[in-house]
Amino acid sequence: MNYTKLGMRSLAIGLILAIAILPQTLGASPYSRRHLINSEEDELRIISQFYNYVDVITGVKLDNMLKLTQHFVQQLLDSIPPEDHGNTAAMLQDYIHKSEDLRHRPGSIEEKEKLLMELQQLIATIKSGLAKEEREDIILRRGLLGMFELLARLSIEERKFNDKFSKAATVLRVQMSEESLERRRDLFEILEAVQREQDIVVRERLFAQFKEMRYYNTIH
């Protein structure tokens, strides 16, 4: 589903507004907190909104990450004098073209994740070629030091996403009755595990499980 679609945005706005009033919700009585959502139909509706909201914030995160990686790759390319351009420069230029194309059309989340993974492969390829002592590769040794700054900026985007995800998951949970929480126990256990996990590798694996549960917990 394209996260820029108006329908998804309107669904996400509802959850964003709910997040804005989260302090008041948490301060409500146990009865009012636990009896907002009770029917299976309402459960599917609100959980569908939650998944759509996650699509939105995932799209925003990936767009920001692509901007950062494209800027980094452009800096690497610009550091190589035109007369020294070779295979490495061609690979850098190809990545920039792919990133530009994807950022200016309604690309899917999967396409953006794939392109970010391609950057890892590109950097690995560049590093493997440094031993050849070609002019452009020698120049890139200095440029690759910028990877540390890039990784720091990407980590900031990931933390922003995690914070929004956790707040939305909390909003979702406090709107459910005890019966609803029991019916959707597997989903809420995964959500709690994702929120609690600090190891990024384990968290990604848990998040993948959360995405796999979408079909059985949402309206189609």
N, C-alpha and C. Protein backbone atom coordinates (compact mmCIF):
# COMPACT_ATOMS: atom_id res chain seq x y z
N MET A 1 0.84 -1.20 0.00
CA MET A 1 0.00 0.00 0.00
C MET A 1 0.88 1.25 0.00
N ASN A 2 0.58 2.24 -0.83
CA ASN A 2 1.36 3.47 -0.91
C ASN A 2 1.01 4.38 0.25
N TYR A 3 2.00 4.74 1.07
CA TYR A 3 1.71 5.52 2.27
C TYR A 3 1.32 6.95 1.99
N THR A 4 1.46 7.42 0.73
CA THR A 4 1.08 8.78 0.41
C THR A 4 -0.39 8.91 0.04
N LYS A 5 -1.09 7.83 -0.04
CA LYS A 5 -2.49 7.89 -0.43
C LYS A 5 -3.31 8.62 0.62
N LEU A 6 -4.29 9.40 0.15
CA LEU A 6 -5.10 10.21 1.05
C LEU A 6 -5.83 9.38 2.07
N GLY A 7 -6.35 8.21 1.66
CA GLY A 7 -7.10 7.38 2.60
C GLY A 7 -6.25 6.96 3.78
N MET A 8 -5.05 6.56 3.50
CA MET A 8 -4.18 6.13 4.58
C MET A 8 -3.83 7.31 5.48
N ARG A 9 -3.60 8.47 4.89
CA ARG A 9 -3.27 9.64 5.69
C ARG A 9 -4.40 9.98 6.65
N SER A 10 -5.63 9.90 6.19
CA SER A 10 -6.75 10.23 7.06
C SER A 10 -6.85 9.24 8.21
N LEU A 11 -6.57 7.97 7.93
CA LEU A 11 -6.57 6.97 9.00
C LEU A 11 -5.46 7.27 9.99
N ALA A 12 -4.30 7.64 9.46
CA ALA A 12 -3.17 7.92 10.33
C ALA A 12 -3.42 9.14 11.20
N ILE A 13 -4.09 10.16 10.64
CA ILE A 13 -4.38 11.37 11.40
C ILE A 13 -5.16 11.05 12.65
N GLY A 14 -6.09 10.10 12.53
CA GLY A 14 -6.88 9.72 13.70
C GLY A 14 -6.02 9.18 14.81
N LEU A 15 -5.04 8.37 14.45
CA LEU A 15 -4.16 7.81 15.47
C LEU A 15 -3.20 8.86 16.00
N ILE A 16 -2.76 9.77 15.14
CA ILE A 16 -1.89 10.86 15.59
C ILE A 16 -2.60 11.71 16.62
N LEU A 17 -3.88 12.01 16.37
CA LEU A 17 -4.66 12.78 17.34
C LEU A 17 -4.80 12.02 18.64
N ALA A 18 -4.95 10.70 18.53
CA ALA A 18 -5.06 9.90 19.76
C ALA A 18 -3.77 9.97 20.56
N ILE A 19 -2.64 9.98 19.86
CA ILE A 19 -1.35 10.09 20.54
C ILE A 19 -1.24 11.43 21.25
N ALA A 20 -1.78 12.48 20.63
CA ALA A 20 -1.71 13.81 21.22
C ALA A 20 -2.44 13.88 22.55
N ILE A 21 -3.50 13.06 22.72
CA ILE A 21 -4.27 13.10 23.97
C ILE A 21 -3.92 11.92 24.86
N LEU A 22 -2.78 11.28 24.58
CA LEU A 22 -2.37 10.10 25.35
C LEU A 22 -2.30 10.36 26.85
N PRO A 23 -1.72 11.48 27.32
CA PRO A 23 -1.66 11.69 28.77
C PRO A 23 -3.03 11.67 29.43
N GLN A 24 -4.04 12.28 28.79
CA GLN A 24 -5.38 12.27 29.36
C GLN A 24 -5.96 10.86 29.36
N THR A 25 -5.67 10.11 28.30
CA THR A 25 -6.18 8.74 28.21
C THR A 25 -5.61 7.87 29.32
N LEU A 26 -4.31 8.01 29.55
CA LEU A 26 -3.67 7.21 30.58
C LEU A 26 -4.15 7.59 31.97
N GLY A 27 -4.65 8.81 32.10
CA GLY A 27 -5.12 9.26 33.40
C GLY A 27 -6.56 8.93 33.67
N ALA A 28 -7.23 8.31 32.70
CA ALA A 28 -8.65 7.98 32.87
C ALA A 28 -8.81 6.80 33.81
N SER A 29 -10.05 6.52 34.20
CA SER A 29 -10.32 5.42 35.12
C SER A 29 -10.11 4.09 34.43
N PRO A 30 -9.85 2.99 35.17
CA PRO A 30 -9.66 1.67 34.56
C PRO A 30 -10.85 1.26 33.70
N TYR A 31 -12.04 1.60 34.14
CA TYR A 31 -13.22 1.20 33.37
C TYR A 31 -13.22 1.88 32.01
N SER A 32 -13.00 3.20 31.97
CA SER A 32 -13.06 3.92 30.70
C SER A 32 -11.92 3.49 29.78
N ARG A 33 -10.78 3.13 30.35
CA ARG A 33 -9.66 2.70 29.52
C ARG A 33 -9.93 1.34 28.91
N ARG A 34 -10.53 0.44 29.65
CA ARG A 34 -10.62 -0.95 29.23
C ARG A 34 -11.91 -1.30 28.51
N HIS A 35 -12.79 -0.36 28.31
CA HIS A 35 -14.05 -0.69 27.66
C HIS A 35 -14.31 0.18 26.42
N LEU A 36 -13.26 0.76 25.87
CA LEU A 36 -13.41 1.53 24.64
C LEU A 36 -13.64 0.61 23.45
N ILE A 37 -12.83 -0.42 23.32
CA ILE A 37 -12.92 -1.35 22.20
C ILE A 37 -13.20 -2.75 22.74
N ASN A 38 -14.32 -3.34 22.30
CA ASN A 38 -14.68 -4.65 22.82
C ASN A 38 -15.07 -5.63 21.72
N SER A 39 -15.74 -5.15 20.68
CA SER A 39 -16.19 -6.05 19.62
C SER A 39 -15.05 -6.37 18.66
N GLU A 40 -15.14 -7.53 18.01
CA GLU A 40 -14.11 -7.92 17.06
C GLU A 40 -14.06 -6.98 15.87
N GLU A 41 -15.22 -6.48 15.46
CA GLU A 41 -15.26 -5.54 14.34
C GLU A 41 -14.49 -4.28 14.66
N ASP A 42 -14.70 -3.74 15.86
CA ASP A 42 -13.98 -2.53 16.27
C ASP A 42 -12.49 -2.80 16.43
N GLU A 43 -12.16 -3.98 16.91
CA GLU A 43 -10.75 -4.36 17.04
C GLU A 43 -10.05 -4.31 15.69
N LEU A 44 -10.67 -4.93 14.70
CA LEU A 44 -10.08 -4.96 13.36
C LEU A 44 -9.93 -3.56 12.80
N ARG A 45 -10.93 -2.73 13.06
CA ARG A 45 -10.89 -1.35 12.54
C ARG A 45 -9.72 -0.57 13.14
N ILE A 46 -9.59 -0.59 14.46
CA ILE A 46 -8.56 0.21 15.11
C ILE A 46 -7.17 -0.36 14.86
N ILE A 47 -7.06 -1.69 14.77
CA ILE A 47 -5.76 -2.29 14.49
C ILE A 47 -5.35 -2.01 13.04
N SER A 48 -6.33 -1.97 12.13
CA SER A 48 -6.04 -1.60 10.74
C SER A 48 -5.48 -0.18 10.68
N GLN A 49 -6.08 0.72 11.45
CA GLN A 49 -5.59 2.10 11.51
C GLN A 49 -4.15 2.13 12.04
N PHE A 50 -3.89 1.30 13.03
CA PHE A 50 -2.54 1.26 13.60
C PHE A 50 -1.52 0.80 12.55
N TYR A 51 -1.84 -0.27 11.84
CA TYR A 51 -0.92 -0.75 10.80
C TYR A 51 -0.71 0.30 9.71
N ASN A 52 -1.78 1.00 9.35
CA ASN A 52 -1.65 2.05 8.34
C ASN A 52 -0.76 3.18 8.84
N TYR A 53 -0.90 3.51 10.12
CA TYR A 53 -0.05 4.54 10.71
C TYR A 53 1.42 4.11 10.69
N VAL A 54 1.66 2.84 10.98
CA VAL A 54 3.03 2.32 10.94
C VAL A 54 3.59 2.42 9.53
N ASP A 55 2.74 2.18 8.52
CA ASP A 55 3.18 2.36 7.13
C ASP A 55 3.62 3.80 6.89
N VAL A 56 2.85 4.75 7.43
CA VAL A 56 3.17 6.17 7.23
C VAL A 56 4.52 6.51 7.84
N ILE A 57 4.72 6.16 9.11
CA ILE A 57 5.97 6.54 9.77
C ILE A 57 7.16 5.74 9.23
N THR A 58 6.90 4.54 8.73
CA THR A 58 7.97 3.78 8.08
C THR A 58 8.38 4.48 6.79
N GLY A 59 7.39 4.93 6.02
CA GLY A 59 7.68 5.65 4.78
C GLY A 59 8.47 6.92 5.03
N VAL A 60 8.09 7.67 6.05
CA VAL A 60 8.81 8.90 6.40
C VAL A 60 10.25 8.58 6.79
N LYS A 61 10.42 7.55 7.61
CA LYS A 61 11.77 7.15 8.04
C LYS A 61 12.64 6.78 6.84
N LEU A 62 12.10 5.97 5.94
CA LEU A 62 12.87 5.51 4.79
C LEU A 62 13.19 6.65 3.84
N ASP A 63 12.24 7.58 3.65
CA ASP A 63 12.50 8.75 2.81
C ASP A 63 13.67 9.56 3.37
N ASN A 64 13.64 9.79 4.68
CA ASN A 64 14.72 10.55 5.31
C ASN A 64 16.05 9.82 5.20
N MET A 65 16.01 8.51 5.37
CA MET A 65 17.24 7.72 5.26
C MET A 65 17.79 7.75 3.84
N LEU A 66 16.91 7.70 2.85
CA LEU A 66 17.36 7.76 1.46
C LEU A 66 17.99 9.10 1.14
N LYS A 67 17.44 10.18 1.69
CA LYS A 67 18.04 11.50 1.49
C LYS A 67 19.46 11.54 2.05
N LEU A 68 19.61 10.97 3.25
CA LEU A 68 20.93 10.96 3.90
C LEU A 68 21.93 10.12 3.12
N THR A 69 21.51 8.94 2.69
CA THR A 69 22.43 8.06 1.97
C THR A 69 22.77 8.63 0.59
N GLN A 70 21.79 9.24 -0.06
CA GLN A 70 22.06 9.83 -1.37
C GLN A 70 23.06 10.97 -1.24
N HIS A 71 22.90 11.79 -0.21
CA HIS A 71 23.83 12.90 0.02
C HIS A 71 25.24 12.37 0.28
N PHE A 72 25.34 11.31 1.05
CA PHE A 72 26.65 10.71 1.35
C PHE A 72 27.30 10.18 0.08
N VAL A 73 26.55 9.45 -0.72
CA VAL A 73 27.09 8.89 -1.96
C VAL A 73 27.48 10.00 -2.93
N GLN A 74 26.68 11.07 -2.97
CA GLN A 74 27.01 12.20 -3.84
C GLN A 74 28.33 12.84 -3.40
N GLN A 75 28.55 12.94 -2.09
CA GLN A 75 29.82 13.48 -1.59
C GLN A 75 30.99 12.60 -2.01
N LEU A 76 30.79 11.29 -1.93
CA LEU A 76 31.85 10.38 -2.37
C LEU A 76 32.17 10.59 -3.85
N LEU A 77 31.12 10.69 -4.66
CA LEU A 77 31.31 10.87 -6.10
C LEU A 77 32.00 12.19 -6.39
N ASP A 78 31.57 13.25 -5.70
CA ASP A 78 32.15 14.58 -5.93
C ASP A 78 33.61 14.65 -5.53
N SER A 79 34.03 13.75 -4.63
CA SER A 79 35.43 13.78 -4.18
C SER A 79 36.39 13.21 -5.22
N ILE A 80 35.84 12.55 -6.23
CA ILE A 80 36.68 11.95 -7.28
C ILE A 80 36.75 12.91 -8.47
N PRO A 81 37.92 13.40 -8.83
CA PRO A 81 38.04 14.27 -10.01
C PRO A 81 37.51 13.55 -11.26
N PRO A 82 36.87 14.28 -12.16
CA PRO A 82 36.30 13.65 -13.36
C PRO A 82 37.30 12.80 -14.13
N GLU A 83 38.56 13.25 -14.16
CA GLU A 83 39.56 12.50 -14.94
C GLU A 83 39.93 11.16 -14.29
N ASP A 84 39.53 10.99 -13.00
CA ASP A 84 39.84 9.75 -12.30
C ASP A 84 38.63 8.82 -12.19
N HIS A 85 37.52 9.20 -12.81
CA HIS A 85 36.32 8.35 -12.74
C HIS A 85 36.56 7.01 -13.41
N GLY A 86 36.12 5.96 -12.72
CA GLY A 86 36.23 4.61 -13.25
C GLY A 86 35.02 3.80 -12.87
N ASN A 87 35.20 2.51 -12.64
CA ASN A 87 34.08 1.64 -12.30
C ASN A 87 33.41 2.04 -10.99
N THR A 88 34.21 2.44 -10.00
CA THR A 88 33.65 2.82 -8.71
C THR A 88 32.75 4.04 -8.85
N ALA A 89 33.21 5.04 -9.57
CA ALA A 89 32.41 6.25 -9.79
C ALA A 89 31.11 5.91 -10.51
N ALA A 90 31.18 4.97 -11.44
CA ALA A 90 29.98 4.57 -12.18
C ALA A 90 28.97 3.91 -11.24
N MET A 91 29.45 3.10 -10.30
CA MET A 91 28.55 2.47 -9.33
C MET A 91 27.90 3.51 -8.42
N LEU A 92 28.69 4.51 -8.01
CA LEU A 92 28.14 5.58 -7.17
C LEU A 92 27.06 6.36 -7.93
N GLN A 93 27.34 6.68 -9.19
CA GLN A 93 26.38 7.42 -9.99
C GLN A 93 25.10 6.62 -10.20
N ASP A 94 25.25 5.33 -10.40
CA ASP A 94 24.08 4.47 -10.58
C ASP A 94 23.20 4.47 -9.33
N TYR A 95 23.82 4.42 -8.16
CA TYR A 95 23.04 4.45 -6.91
C TYR A 95 22.30 5.78 -6.77
N ILE A 96 22.97 6.87 -7.11
CA ILE A 96 22.33 8.19 -7.02
C ILE A 96 21.12 8.26 -7.94
N HIS A 97 21.25 7.75 -9.16
CA HIS A 97 20.13 7.75 -10.10
C HIS A 97 18.95 6.93 -9.55
N LYS A 98 19.24 5.78 -8.99
CA LYS A 98 18.18 4.94 -8.41
C LYS A 98 17.48 5.66 -7.26
N SER A 99 18.27 6.30 -6.41
CA SER A 99 17.71 7.01 -5.26
C SER A 99 16.83 8.17 -5.70
N GLU A 100 17.32 8.94 -6.67
CA GLU A 100 16.54 10.07 -7.20
C GLU A 100 15.22 9.59 -7.77
N ASP A 101 15.28 8.53 -8.54
CA ASP A 101 14.07 8.00 -9.16
C ASP A 101 13.06 7.54 -8.11
N LEU A 102 13.55 6.85 -7.09
CA LEU A 102 12.66 6.29 -6.08
C LEU A 102 12.06 7.37 -5.20
N ARG A 103 12.82 8.42 -4.94
CA ARG A 103 12.33 9.50 -4.07
C ARG A 103 11.29 10.38 -4.77
N HIS A 104 11.27 10.37 -6.09
CA HIS A 104 10.36 11.25 -6.82
C HIS A 104 9.21 10.52 -7.50
N ARG A 105 8.99 9.30 -7.09
CA ARG A 105 7.81 8.57 -7.53
C ARG A 105 7.26 7.79 -6.34
N PRO A 106 6.00 7.34 -6.40
CA PRO A 106 5.40 6.63 -5.26
C PRO A 106 5.95 5.21 -5.10
N GLY A 107 7.20 5.11 -4.70
CA GLY A 107 7.81 3.80 -4.50
C GLY A 107 7.28 3.12 -3.25
N SER A 108 7.36 1.82 -3.23
CA SER A 108 6.86 1.06 -2.09
C SER A 108 7.90 1.03 -0.96
N ILE A 109 7.43 0.66 0.22
CA ILE A 109 8.33 0.50 1.36
C ILE A 109 9.39 -0.54 1.05
N GLU A 110 8.99 -1.63 0.40
CA GLU A 110 9.92 -2.71 0.08
C GLU A 110 11.02 -2.23 -0.86
N GLU A 111 10.67 -1.40 -1.85
CA GLU A 111 11.67 -0.87 -2.78
C GLU A 111 12.69 0.00 -2.06
N LYS A 112 12.21 0.81 -1.13
CA LYS A 112 13.11 1.70 -0.40
C LYS A 112 14.02 0.92 0.53
N GLU A 113 13.48 -0.09 1.18
CA GLU A 113 14.32 -0.93 2.04
C GLU A 113 15.39 -1.65 1.22
N LYS A 114 15.02 -2.10 0.04
CA LYS A 114 15.97 -2.80 -0.83
C LYS A 114 17.10 -1.87 -1.27
N LEU A 115 16.77 -0.62 -1.59
CA LEU A 115 17.79 0.32 -2.03
C LEU A 115 18.75 0.66 -0.89
N LEU A 116 18.23 0.77 0.32
CA LEU A 116 19.11 1.01 1.47
C LEU A 116 20.06 -0.17 1.68
N MET A 117 19.57 -1.38 1.45
CA MET A 117 20.43 -2.56 1.55
C MET A 117 21.50 -2.54 0.45
N GLU A 118 21.15 -2.01 -0.71
CA GLU A 118 22.11 -1.93 -1.81
C GLU A 118 23.29 -1.04 -1.44
N LEU A 119 23.04 -0.03 -0.59
CA LEU A 119 24.14 0.83 -0.17
C LEU A 119 25.18 0.03 0.60
N GLN A 120 24.72 -0.87 1.46
CA GLN A 120 25.65 -1.71 2.21
C GLN A 120 26.51 -2.54 1.25
N GLN A 121 25.87 -3.09 0.23
CA GLN A 121 26.60 -3.89 -0.75
C GLN A 121 27.58 -3.01 -1.54
N LEU A 122 27.15 -1.78 -1.84
CA LEU A 122 28.00 -0.85 -2.59
C LEU A 122 29.26 -0.51 -1.79
N ILE A 123 29.07 -0.19 -0.50
CA ILE A 123 30.21 0.15 0.35
C ILE A 123 31.16 -1.04 0.47
N ALA A 124 30.58 -2.24 0.62
CA ALA A 124 31.41 -3.45 0.71
C ALA A 124 32.22 -3.65 -0.57
N THR A 125 31.59 -3.38 -1.71
CA THR A 125 32.28 -3.51 -3.00
C THR A 125 33.41 -2.50 -3.12
N ILE A 126 33.14 -1.26 -2.67
CA ILE A 126 34.16 -0.22 -2.72
C ILE A 126 35.35 -0.60 -1.84
N LYS A 127 35.06 -1.07 -0.63
CA LYS A 127 36.13 -1.45 0.29
C LYS A 127 36.97 -2.59 -0.27
N SER A 128 36.32 -3.53 -0.93
CA SER A 128 37.05 -4.67 -1.49
C SER A 128 37.97 -4.24 -2.63
N GLY A 129 37.65 -3.12 -3.25
CA GLY A 129 38.47 -2.64 -4.36
C GLY A 129 39.59 -1.71 -3.95
N LEU A 130 39.64 -1.33 -2.66
CA LEU A 130 40.67 -0.40 -2.22
C LEU A 130 42.08 -0.97 -2.37
N ALA A 131 42.19 -2.29 -2.31
CA ALA A 131 43.51 -2.92 -2.40
C ALA A 131 44.11 -2.80 -3.81
N LYS A 132 43.28 -2.45 -4.79
CA LYS A 132 43.77 -2.35 -6.16
C LYS A 132 44.63 -1.11 -6.38
N GLU A 133 44.54 -0.17 -5.42
CA GLU A 133 45.33 1.06 -5.47
C GLU A 133 45.05 1.89 -6.72
N GLU A 134 43.83 1.81 -7.25
CA GLU A 134 43.46 2.70 -8.34
C GLU A 134 43.24 4.09 -7.77
N ARG A 135 43.43 5.09 -8.61
CA ARG A 135 43.39 6.48 -8.16
C ARG A 135 42.07 6.81 -7.47
N GLU A 136 40.94 6.44 -8.06
CA GLU A 136 39.65 6.80 -7.48
C GLU A 136 39.42 6.08 -6.15
N ASP A 137 39.93 4.88 -6.02
CA ASP A 137 39.76 4.14 -4.78
C ASP A 137 40.61 4.71 -3.65
N ILE A 138 41.81 5.18 -3.99
CA ILE A 138 42.66 5.82 -2.99
C ILE A 138 41.98 7.07 -2.46
N ILE A 139 41.37 7.85 -3.34
CA ILE A 139 40.65 9.07 -2.93
C ILE A 139 39.49 8.72 -2.02
N LEU A 140 38.79 7.63 -2.32
CA LEU A 140 37.60 7.26 -1.55
C LEU A 140 37.92 6.78 -0.14
N ARG A 141 39.16 6.42 0.12
CA ARG A 141 39.52 6.01 1.48
C ARG A 141 39.19 7.11 2.49
N ARG A 142 39.50 8.35 2.10
CA ARG A 142 39.20 9.47 2.99
C ARG A 142 37.70 9.69 3.09
N GLY A 143 37.01 9.58 1.96
CA GLY A 143 35.57 9.82 1.95
C GLY A 143 34.78 8.84 2.79
N LEU A 144 35.26 7.60 2.87
CA LEU A 144 34.54 6.58 3.62
C LEU A 144 34.53 6.84 5.12
N LEU A 145 35.39 7.75 5.59
CA LEU A 145 35.35 8.12 7.00
C LEU A 145 34.03 8.79 7.35
N GLY A 146 33.36 9.34 6.33
CA GLY A 146 32.05 9.96 6.56
C GLY A 146 30.97 8.95 6.90
N MET A 147 31.28 7.65 6.78
CA MET A 147 30.31 6.62 7.13
C MET A 147 29.88 6.72 8.59
N PHE A 148 30.81 7.14 9.46
CA PHE A 148 30.48 7.23 10.88
C PHE A 148 29.39 8.27 11.12
N GLU A 149 29.51 9.41 10.45
CA GLU A 149 28.48 10.44 10.58
C GLU A 149 27.16 9.97 9.99
N LEU A 150 27.24 9.30 8.84
CA LEU A 150 26.02 8.78 8.21
C LEU A 150 25.32 7.80 9.13
N LEU A 151 26.05 6.87 9.71
CA LEU A 151 25.45 5.88 10.60
C LEU A 151 24.80 6.55 11.81
N ALA A 152 25.43 7.60 12.32
CA ALA A 152 24.86 8.33 13.46
C ALA A 152 23.54 8.97 13.07
N ARG A 153 23.48 9.55 11.88
CA ARG A 153 22.24 10.20 11.42
C ARG A 153 21.15 9.17 11.14
N LEU A 154 21.53 8.04 10.58
CA LEU A 154 20.55 6.98 10.35
C LEU A 154 20.00 6.45 11.67
N SER A 155 20.84 6.38 12.68
CA SER A 155 20.40 5.92 14.00
C SER A 155 19.38 6.89 14.60
N ILE A 156 19.57 8.17 14.36
CA ILE A 156 18.61 9.18 14.85
C ILE A 156 17.25 8.96 14.21
N GLU A 157 17.23 8.70 12.90
CA GLU A 157 15.96 8.45 12.21
C GLU A 157 15.29 7.19 12.75
N GLU A 158 16.09 6.17 13.05
CA GLU A 158 15.54 4.93 13.60
C GLU A 158 14.94 5.18 14.98
N ARG A 159 15.61 5.98 15.78
CA ARG A 159 15.09 6.28 17.13
C ARG A 159 13.79 7.08 17.05
N LYS A 160 13.71 8.01 16.12
CA LYS A 160 12.47 8.78 15.93
C LYS A 160 11.31 7.83 15.59
N PHE A 161 11.59 6.90 14.68
CA PHE A 161 10.56 5.93 14.30
C PHE A 161 10.14 5.08 15.49
N ASN A 162 11.12 4.58 16.24
CA ASN A 162 10.81 3.72 17.38
C ASN A 162 9.97 4.44 18.42
N ASP A 163 10.25 5.73 18.63
CA ASP A 163 9.49 6.51 19.60
C ASP A 163 8.04 6.65 19.16
N LYS A 164 7.83 6.97 17.88
CA LYS A 164 6.47 7.10 17.36
C LYS A 164 5.73 5.77 17.40
N PHE A 165 6.43 4.71 17.04
CA PHE A 165 5.83 3.38 17.06
C PHE A 165 5.39 3.00 18.47
N SER A 166 6.25 3.23 19.44
CA SER A 166 5.95 2.87 20.83
C SER A 166 4.76 3.66 21.37
N LYS A 167 4.72 4.95 21.06
CA LYS A 167 3.60 5.77 21.52
C LYS A 167 2.28 5.30 20.90
N ALA A 168 2.32 4.98 19.61
CA ALA A 168 1.11 4.52 18.93
C ALA A 168 0.66 3.16 19.48
N ALA A 169 1.62 2.28 19.76
CA ALA A 169 1.28 0.97 20.33
C ALA A 169 0.65 1.12 21.71
N THR A 170 1.13 2.09 22.48
CA THR A 170 0.55 2.35 23.80
C THR A 170 -0.88 2.85 23.67
N VAL A 171 -1.10 3.76 22.73
CA VAL A 171 -2.46 4.27 22.47
C VAL A 171 -3.39 3.13 22.10
N LEU A 172 -2.91 2.25 21.22
CA LEU A 172 -3.72 1.11 20.79
C LEU A 172 -4.09 0.23 21.97
N ARG A 173 -3.11 -0.06 22.80
CA ARG A 173 -3.33 -0.97 23.92
C ARG A 173 -4.35 -0.42 24.92
N VAL A 174 -4.25 0.87 25.25
CA VAL A 174 -5.13 1.42 26.28
C VAL A 174 -6.57 1.58 25.80
N GLN A 175 -6.80 1.44 24.49
CA GLN A 175 -8.16 1.53 23.97
C GLN A 175 -8.87 0.18 23.96
N MET A 176 -8.15 -0.88 24.29
CA MET A 176 -8.71 -2.23 24.22
C MET A 176 -9.27 -2.69 25.56
N SER A 177 -10.38 -3.42 25.51
CA SER A 177 -10.91 -4.06 26.71
C SER A 177 -10.06 -5.28 27.03
N GLU A 178 -10.25 -5.83 28.22
CA GLU A 178 -9.52 -7.04 28.59
C GLU A 178 -9.84 -8.18 27.63
N GLU A 179 -11.10 -8.25 27.20
CA GLU A 179 -11.50 -9.30 26.26
C GLU A 179 -10.77 -9.15 24.92
N SER A 180 -10.67 -7.91 24.46
CA SER A 180 -9.99 -7.66 23.19
C SER A 180 -8.50 -7.99 23.30
N LEU A 181 -7.90 -7.61 24.40
CA LEU A 181 -6.49 -7.90 24.60
C LEU A 181 -6.24 -9.40 24.63
N GLU A 182 -7.16 -10.13 25.20
CA GLU A 182 -7.02 -11.59 25.26
C GLU A 182 -7.16 -12.20 23.87
N ARG A 183 -8.15 -11.70 23.10
CA ARG A 183 -8.35 -12.23 21.75
C ARG A 183 -7.13 -11.97 20.86
N ARG A 184 -6.50 -10.83 21.07
CA ARG A 184 -5.36 -10.43 20.24
C ARG A 184 -4.05 -10.57 21.02
N ARG A 185 -3.99 -11.55 21.88
CA ARG A 185 -2.84 -11.69 22.78
C ARG A 185 -1.52 -11.78 22.01
N ASP A 186 -1.49 -12.60 20.95
CA ASP A 186 -0.25 -12.78 20.20
C ASP A 186 0.26 -11.45 19.65
N LEU A 187 -0.66 -10.66 19.11
CA LEU A 187 -0.28 -9.37 18.54
C LEU A 187 0.29 -8.44 19.61
N PHE A 188 -0.40 -8.34 20.74
CA PHE A 188 0.05 -7.41 21.77
C PHE A 188 1.32 -7.89 22.47
N GLU A 189 1.53 -9.19 22.51
CA GLU A 189 2.79 -9.70 23.06
C GLU A 189 3.96 -9.31 22.16
N ILE A 190 3.73 -9.38 20.84
CA ILE A 190 4.78 -8.97 19.90
C ILE A 190 5.03 -7.47 20.01
N LEU A 191 3.97 -6.69 20.10
CA LEU A 191 4.12 -5.24 20.24
C LEU A 191 4.93 -4.89 21.48
N GLU A 192 4.61 -5.55 22.58
CA GLU A 192 5.34 -5.30 23.82
C GLU A 192 6.81 -5.69 23.69
N ALA A 193 7.05 -6.80 23.01
CA ALA A 193 8.43 -7.26 22.82
C ALA A 193 9.22 -6.28 21.95
N VAL A 194 8.58 -5.76 20.90
CA VAL A 194 9.24 -4.78 20.03
C VAL A 194 9.59 -3.52 20.82
N GLN A 195 8.65 -3.04 21.63
CA GLN A 195 8.88 -1.83 22.42
C GLN A 195 10.00 -2.02 23.43
N ARG A 196 10.10 -3.21 23.98
CA ARG A 196 11.05 -3.47 25.06
C ARG A 196 12.46 -3.78 24.55
N GLU A 197 12.56 -4.36 23.36
CA GLU A 197 13.85 -4.85 22.86
C GLU A 197 14.82 -3.71 22.51
N GLN A 198 16.05 -3.82 22.97
CA GLN A 198 17.09 -2.83 22.70
C GLN A 198 18.06 -3.26 21.60
N ASP A 199 18.20 -4.57 21.42
CA ASP A 199 19.09 -5.08 20.38
C ASP A 199 18.44 -4.88 19.02
N ILE A 200 19.10 -4.13 18.14
CA ILE A 200 18.48 -3.75 16.87
C ILE A 200 18.21 -4.96 15.97
N VAL A 201 19.08 -5.97 16.02
CA VAL A 201 18.89 -7.16 15.19
C VAL A 201 17.66 -7.94 15.66
N VAL A 202 17.57 -8.14 16.96
CA VAL A 202 16.41 -8.85 17.52
C VAL A 202 15.14 -8.05 17.29
N ARG A 203 15.24 -6.74 17.44
CA ARG A 203 14.06 -5.88 17.24
C ARG A 203 13.55 -5.98 15.81
N GLU A 204 14.46 -6.00 14.84
CA GLU A 204 14.05 -6.12 13.44
C GLU A 204 13.35 -7.45 13.19
N ARG A 205 13.83 -8.50 13.83
CA ARG A 205 13.19 -9.81 13.67
C ARG A 205 11.79 -9.81 14.27
N LEU A 206 11.64 -9.18 15.42
CA LEU A 206 10.32 -9.08 16.05
C LEU A 206 9.38 -8.21 15.21
N PHE A 207 9.93 -7.13 14.64
CA PHE A 207 9.11 -6.25 13.81
C PHE A 207 8.64 -6.98 12.57
N ALA A 208 9.47 -7.85 12.02
CA ALA A 208 9.06 -8.66 10.86
C ALA A 208 7.90 -9.58 11.24
N GLN A 209 7.94 -10.13 12.44
CA GLN A 209 6.83 -10.97 12.91
C GLN A 209 5.55 -10.14 13.05
N PHE A 210 5.70 -8.92 13.55
CA PHE A 210 4.56 -8.01 13.66
C PHE A 210 3.93 -7.76 12.29
N LYS A 211 4.74 -7.54 11.28
CA LYS A 211 4.21 -7.30 9.94
C LYS A 211 3.52 -8.53 9.37
N GLU A 212 4.04 -9.71 9.69
CA GLU A 212 3.43 -10.95 9.20
C GLU A 212 2.05 -11.18 9.80
N MET A 213 1.77 -10.58 10.95
CA MET A 213 0.49 -10.77 11.63
C MET A 213 -0.59 -9.83 11.10
N ARG A 214 -0.25 -9.00 10.16
CA ARG A 214 -1.19 -7.98 9.69
C ARG A 214 -2.46 -8.58 9.10
N TYR A 215 -2.32 -9.59 8.27
CA TYR A 215 -3.47 -10.13 7.54
C TYR A 215 -4.55 -10.63 8.48
N TYR A 216 -4.16 -11.25 9.57
CA TYR A 216 -5.13 -11.88 10.48
C TYR A 216 -5.69 -10.91 11.52
N ASN A 217 -5.20 -9.68 11.53
CA ASN A 217 -5.64 -8.73 12.55
C ASN A 217 -6.20 -7.43 11.98
N THR A 218 -6.45 -7.41 10.67
CA THR A 218 -6.93 -6.17 10.05
C THR A 218 -8.08 -6.44 9.08
N ILE A 219 -8.72 -5.34 8.66
CA ILE A 219 -9.79 -5.40 7.67
C ILE A 219 -9.17 -5.45 6.29
N HIS A 220 -9.68 -6.31 5.42
CA HIS A 220 -9.14 -6.45 4.06
C HIS A 220 -10.06 -5.78 3.04
